[in-house]
Amino acid sequence: MAYGLRFDERGRPRRGMAWEMAATLLAEQLVLQLERANFVVLKRPPRPPHSAG
């Protein structure tokens, strides 16, 4: 999460040490909130390969 928060909407890195610190702190807080809410991220099972037939 912190990695994603370090970049702007265009994918460019945000400048300054404050962004680094803020991204890390915010990511930690988001993870705690998601854990408290029992939020679960699930991965879908892979689809069967497409047949060209």
C-alpha atoms as a PDB file:
ATOM      1  CA  MET A   1       0.000   0.000   0.000  1.00  0.00           C
ATOM      2  CA  ALA A   2       2.756   2.415   0.857  1.00  0.00           C
ATOM      3  CA  TYR A   3       4.304   1.803  -2.545  1.00  0.00           C
ATOM      4  CA  GLY A   4       1.086   2.844  -4.280  1.00  0.00           C
ATOM      5  CA  LEU A   5       0.746   5.947  -2.130  1.00  0.00           C
ATOM      6  CA  ARG A   6       4.206   7.149  -3.135  1.00  0.00           C
ATOM      7  CA  PHE A   7       3.102   7.819  -6.720  1.00  0.00           C
ATOM      8  CA  ASP A   8       0.649  10.303  -8.195  1.00  0.00           C
ATOM      9  CA  GLU A   9      -2.245   9.583 -10.577  1.00  0.00           C
ATOM     10  CA  ARG A  10       0.115   9.652 -13.563  1.00  0.00           C
ATOM     11  CA  GLY A  11       2.481   7.099 -12.032  1.00  0.00           C
ATOM     12  CA  ARG A  12       5.165   9.668 -11.287  1.00  0.00           C
ATOM     13  CA  PRO A  13       6.890   9.504  -7.907  1.00  0.00           C
ATOM     14  CA  ARG A  14       5.836  12.158  -5.426  1.00  0.00           C
ATOM     15  CA  ARG A  15       8.693  14.379  -4.298  1.00  0.00           C
ATOM     16  CA  GLY A  16       9.857  15.048  -0.785  1.00  0.00           C
ATOM     17  CA  MET A  17      10.581  13.189   2.388  1.00  0.00           C
ATOM     18  CA  ALA A  18       7.168  14.114   3.796  1.00  0.00           C
ATOM     19  CA  TRP A  19       5.456  11.960   1.151  1.00  0.00           C
ATOM     20  CA  GLU A  20       7.629   8.977   2.064  1.00  0.00           C
ATOM     21  CA  MET A  21       6.783   9.278   5.739  1.00  0.00           C
ATOM     22  CA  ALA A  22       3.100  10.020   5.124  1.00  0.00           C
ATOM     23  CA  ALA A  23       2.746   7.071   2.734  1.00  0.00           C
ATOM     24  CA  THR A  24       4.239   4.681   5.275  1.00  0.00           C
ATOM     25  CA  LEU A  25       2.087   5.949   8.148  1.00  0.00           C
ATOM     26  CA  LEU A  26      -1.092   5.981   6.074  1.00  0.00           C
ATOM     27  CA  ALA A  27      -0.459   2.465   4.779  1.00  0.00           C
ATOM     28  CA  GLU A  28      -0.024   1.183   8.339  1.00  0.00           C
ATOM     29  CA  GLN A  29      -3.280   2.837   9.410  1.00  0.00           C
ATOM     30  CA  LEU A  30      -5.158   1.457   6.391  1.00  0.00           C
ATOM     31  CA  VAL A  31      -3.940  -2.063   7.104  1.00  0.00           C
ATOM     32  CA  LEU A  32      -5.054  -1.811  10.738  1.00  0.00           C
ATOM     33  CA  GLN A  33      -8.506  -0.555   9.720  1.00  0.00           C
ATOM     34  CA  LEU A  34      -8.921  -3.309   7.133  1.00  0.00           C
ATOM     35  CA  GLU A  35      -7.872  -5.961   9.664  1.00  0.00           C
ATOM     36  CA  ARG A  36     -10.373  -4.606  12.219  1.00  0.00           C
ATOM     37  CA  ALA A  37     -13.117  -4.735   9.579  1.00  0.00           C
ATOM     38  CA  ASN A  38     -12.166  -8.360   8.731  1.00  0.00           C
ATOM     39  CA  PHE A  39     -11.577  -7.309   5.135  1.00  0.00           C
ATOM     40  CA  VAL A  40     -10.327 -10.193   3.001  1.00  0.00           C
ATOM     41  CA  VAL A  41      -8.770 -10.011  -0.435  1.00  0.00           C
ATOM     42  CA  LEU A  42      -9.441 -13.124  -2.457  1.00  0.00           C
ATOM     43  CA  LYS A  43      -7.847 -14.188  -5.665  1.00  0.00           C
ATOM     44  CA  ARG A  44     -10.110 -15.685  -8.319  1.00  0.00           C
ATOM     45  CA  PRO A  45      -9.197 -19.177  -9.463  1.00  0.00           C
ATOM     46  CA  PRO A  46      -7.489 -19.219 -12.855  1.00  0.00           C
ATOM     47  CA  ARG A  47      -9.787 -19.607 -15.830  1.00  0.00           C
ATOM     48  CA  PRO A  48      -9.409 -22.641 -18.056  1.00  0.00           C
ATOM     49  CA  PRO A  49      -7.298 -21.978 -21.142  1.00  0.00           C
ATOM     50  CA  HIS A  50      -9.149 -20.661 -24.172  1.00  0.00           C
ATOM     51  CA  SER A  51      -9.443 -23.191 -26.955  1.00  0.00           C
ATOM     52  CA  ALA A  52      -8.776 -21.881 -30.449  1.00  0.00           C
ATOM     53  CA  GLY A  53     -10.791 -24.748 -31.965  1.00  0.00           C
END
